[in-house]
Amino acid sequence: MIVAGLVLAIIAAGVVAWWNIKPYSSKDVAFDITSDTSANVTIQLEKKPSDTVACNLRVMNESYAVVGWETVTFDASEGSGRQTIIKDFDLRTESLGVTGGVTTCWVVD
């Protein structure tokens, strides 16, 4: 009975972990404030090639107010496994920013 209970617990933990795996992951790589009205944000996205993924990017000022924002889309492509994309984007800003990066991503239906 103890062994059966342990096996069931391990299976349950595996199922919960599998359900929580996102089909993509994103992270900030770099940012560069290029002027009072623009910034460059570099992000890394890992996704399944068959998925189209959209991400929100933002630039914030020293008070953490958003001064620039854009939604970018990574189209589906051929292939299998996971693909890693590193790409930089130029964002227009309303005023001088001090930081920038990716906020959220989602799979587009």
C-alpha atoms as a PDB file:
ATOM      1  CA  MET A   1       0.000   0.000   0.000  1.00  0.00           C
ATOM      2  CA  ILE A   2       2.824   2.414   0.804  1.00  0.00           C
ATOM      3  CA  VAL A   3       4.523   1.737  -2.528  1.00  0.00           C
ATOM      4  CA  ALA A   4       1.230   2.174  -4.398  1.00  0.00           C
ATOM      5  CA  GLY A   5       0.637   5.479  -2.580  1.00  0.00           C
ATOM      6  CA  LEU A   6       4.119   6.722  -3.499  1.00  0.00           C
ATOM      7  CA  VAL A   7       3.622   5.757  -7.143  1.00  0.00           C
ATOM      8  CA  LEU A   8       0.300   7.607  -7.272  1.00  0.00           C
ATOM      9  CA  ALA A   9       1.859  10.680  -5.624  1.00  0.00           C
ATOM     10  CA  ILE A  10       4.684  10.717  -8.181  1.00  0.00           C
ATOM     11  CA  ILE A  11       2.220  10.373 -11.064  1.00  0.00           C
ATOM     12  CA  ALA A  12       0.033  13.162  -9.653  1.00  0.00           C
ATOM     13  CA  ALA A  13       3.052  15.458  -9.272  1.00  0.00           C
ATOM     14  CA  GLY A  14       4.066  14.737 -12.873  1.00  0.00           C
ATOM     15  CA  VAL A  15       0.586  15.534 -14.181  1.00  0.00           C
ATOM     16  CA  VAL A  16       0.457  18.829 -12.260  1.00  0.00           C
ATOM     17  CA  ALA A  17       3.925  19.796 -13.543  1.00  0.00           C
ATOM     18  CA  TRP A  18       2.931  18.911 -17.126  1.00  0.00           C
ATOM     19  CA  TRP A  19      -0.227  21.046 -16.929  1.00  0.00           C
ATOM     20  CA  ASN A  20       1.825  24.053 -15.759  1.00  0.00           C
ATOM     21  CA  ILE A  21       4.309  23.992 -18.655  1.00  0.00           C
ATOM     22  CA  LYS A  22       3.787  27.001 -20.904  1.00  0.00           C
ATOM     23  CA  PRO A  23       4.109  26.481 -24.651  1.00  0.00           C
ATOM     24  CA  TYR A  24       6.521  29.458 -24.743  1.00  0.00           C
ATOM     25  CA  SER A  25       8.943  31.387 -22.562  1.00  0.00           C
ATOM     26  CA  SER A  26      10.225  34.929 -22.883  1.00  0.00           C
ATOM     27  CA  LYS A  27      12.888  37.020 -21.206  1.00  0.00           C
ATOM     28  CA  ASP A  28      14.619  40.359 -21.502  1.00  0.00           C
ATOM     29  CA  VAL A  29      18.055  40.293 -23.085  1.00  0.00           C
ATOM     30  CA  ALA A  30      18.954  43.994 -23.279  1.00  0.00           C
ATOM     31  CA  PHE A  31      17.601  47.508 -23.583  1.00  0.00           C
ATOM     32  CA  ASP A  32      19.118  50.741 -24.815  1.00  0.00           C
ATOM     33  CA  ILE A  33      17.643  54.186 -24.390  1.00  0.00           C
ATOM     34  CA  THR A  34      18.591  55.727 -27.726  1.00  0.00           C
ATOM     35  CA  SER A  35      17.058  59.201 -27.247  1.00  0.00           C
ATOM     36  CA  ASP A  36      14.409  61.143 -25.315  1.00  0.00           C
ATOM     37  CA  THR A  37      11.766  59.665 -27.632  1.00  0.00           C
ATOM     38  CA  SER A  38      13.010  56.172 -28.468  1.00  0.00           C
ATOM     39  CA  ALA A  39      14.415  52.991 -26.994  1.00  0.00           C
ATOM     40  CA  ASN A  40      15.620  49.633 -28.256  1.00  0.00           C
ATOM     41  CA  VAL A  41      14.453  46.463 -26.481  1.00  0.00           C
ATOM     42  CA  THR A  42      15.961  43.017 -27.140  1.00  0.00           C
ATOM     43  CA  ILE A  43      14.008  39.940 -26.037  1.00  0.00           C
ATOM     44  CA  GLN A  44      14.397  36.193 -26.303  1.00  0.00           C
ATOM     45  CA  LEU A  45      11.390  34.002 -27.083  1.00  0.00           C
ATOM     46  CA  GLU A  46      11.299  30.209 -27.060  1.00  0.00           C
ATOM     47  CA  LYS A  47       8.237  28.659 -28.692  1.00  0.00           C
ATOM     48  CA  LYS A  48       6.966  25.768 -30.748  1.00  0.00           C
ATOM     49  CA  PRO A  49       7.465  26.604 -34.420  1.00  0.00           C
ATOM     50  CA  SER A  50       3.790  25.882 -35.153  1.00  0.00           C
ATOM     51  CA  ASP A  51       2.604  28.557 -32.676  1.00  0.00           C
ATOM     52  CA  THR A  52       2.068  32.238 -33.366  1.00  0.00           C
ATOM     53  CA  VAL A  53       2.991  34.174 -30.214  1.00  0.00           C
ATOM     54  CA  ALA A  54       2.320  37.854 -29.438  1.00  0.00           C
ATOM     55  CA  CYS A  55       4.213  39.795 -26.757  1.00  0.00           C
ATOM     56  CA  ASN A  56       3.743  43.194 -25.124  1.00  0.00           C
ATOM     57  CA  LEU A  57       6.882  45.317 -24.813  1.00  0.00           C
ATOM     58  CA  ARG A  58       7.167  48.444 -22.708  1.00  0.00           C
ATOM     59  CA  VAL A  59       9.551  51.232 -21.785  1.00  0.00           C
ATOM     60  CA  MET A  60       9.267  52.924 -18.379  1.00  0.00           C
ATOM     61  CA  ASN A  61      10.625  56.174 -16.954  1.00  0.00           C
ATOM     62  CA  GLU A  62      12.340  56.650 -13.600  1.00  0.00           C
ATOM     63  CA  SER A  63       8.937  56.783 -11.846  1.00  0.00           C
ATOM     64  CA  TYR A  64       8.021  53.400 -13.414  1.00  0.00           C
ATOM     65  CA  ALA A  65       5.342  55.029 -15.569  1.00  0.00           C
ATOM     66  CA  VAL A  66       4.978  53.476 -19.025  1.00  0.00           C
ATOM     67  CA  VAL A  67       6.259  55.913 -21.662  1.00  0.00           C
ATOM     68  CA  GLY A  68       6.379  53.509 -24.622  1.00  0.00           C
ATOM     69  CA  TRP A  69       4.454  50.352 -25.490  1.00  0.00           C
ATOM     70  CA  GLU A  70       4.074  47.992 -28.446  1.00  0.00           C
ATOM     71  CA  THR A  71       2.660  44.544 -29.199  1.00  0.00           C
ATOM     72  CA  VAL A  72       4.850  42.386 -31.452  1.00  0.00           C
ATOM     73  CA  THR A  73       3.995  39.073 -33.121  1.00  0.00           C
ATOM     74  CA  PHE A  74       6.186  36.084 -33.877  1.00  0.00           C
ATOM     75  CA  ASP A  75       4.624  34.086 -36.708  1.00  0.00           C
ATOM     76  CA  ALA A  76       4.368  30.328 -36.980  1.00  0.00           C
ATOM     77  CA  SER A  77       6.985  28.538 -39.054  1.00  0.00           C
ATOM     78  CA  GLU A  78       7.941  25.038 -40.076  1.00  0.00           C
ATOM     79  CA  GLY A  79       9.926  22.727 -37.857  1.00  0.00           C
ATOM     80  CA  SER A  80       9.597  20.720 -34.688  1.00  0.00           C
ATOM     81  CA  GLY A  81      10.762  20.952 -31.092  1.00  0.00           C
ATOM     82  CA  ARG A  82      11.290  24.467 -29.739  1.00  0.00           C
ATOM     83  CA  GLN A  83      12.823  27.416 -31.513  1.00  0.00           C
ATOM     84  CA  THR A  84      14.711  30.244 -29.874  1.00  0.00           C
ATOM     85  CA  ILE A  85      14.328  33.726 -31.335  1.00  0.00           C
ATOM     86  CA  ILE A  86      16.376  36.710 -30.183  1.00  0.00           C
ATOM     87  CA  LYS A  87      15.153  39.951 -31.701  1.00  0.00           C
ATOM     88  CA  ASP A  88      15.391  43.656 -30.995  1.00  0.00           C
ATOM     89  CA  PHE A  89      12.670  46.223 -31.448  1.00  0.00           C
ATOM     90  CA  ASP A  90      12.731  50.008 -31.665  1.00  0.00           C
ATOM     91  CA  LEU A  91       9.981  51.606 -29.575  1.00  0.00           C
ATOM     92  CA  ARG A  92       8.861  55.226 -29.684  1.00  0.00           C
ATOM     93  CA  THR A  93       8.463  56.865 -26.285  1.00  0.00           C
ATOM     94  CA  GLU A  94       6.559  59.897 -24.997  1.00  0.00           C
ATOM     95  CA  SER A  95       9.518  60.957 -22.856  1.00  0.00           C
ATOM     96  CA  LEU A  96      12.891  59.717 -21.641  1.00  0.00           C
ATOM     97  CA  GLY A  97      12.799  56.083 -20.534  1.00  0.00           C
ATOM     98  CA  VAL A  98      15.186  54.336 -18.173  1.00  0.00           C
ATOM     99  CA  THR A  99      14.276  50.658 -18.647  1.00  0.00           C
ATOM    100  CA  GLY A 100      12.432  48.428 -21.066  1.00  0.00           C
ATOM    101  CA  GLY A 101      11.491  44.830 -21.711  1.00  0.00           C
ATOM    102  CA  VAL A 102       8.820  42.227 -22.353  1.00  0.00           C
ATOM    103  CA  THR A 103       5.816  42.162 -20.011  1.00  0.00           C
ATOM    104  CA  THR A 104       3.503  39.377 -21.208  1.00  0.00           C
ATOM    105  CA  CYS A 105       3.205  36.931 -24.076  1.00  0.00           C
ATOM    106  CA  TRP A 106       0.416  34.657 -25.268  1.00  0.00           C
ATOM    107  CA  VAL A 107      -0.309  32.142 -27.998  1.00  0.00           C
ATOM    108  CA  VAL A 108      -2.501  33.680 -30.695  1.00  0.00           C
ATOM    109  CA  ASP A 109      -5.398  31.434 -31.717  1.00  0.00           C
END
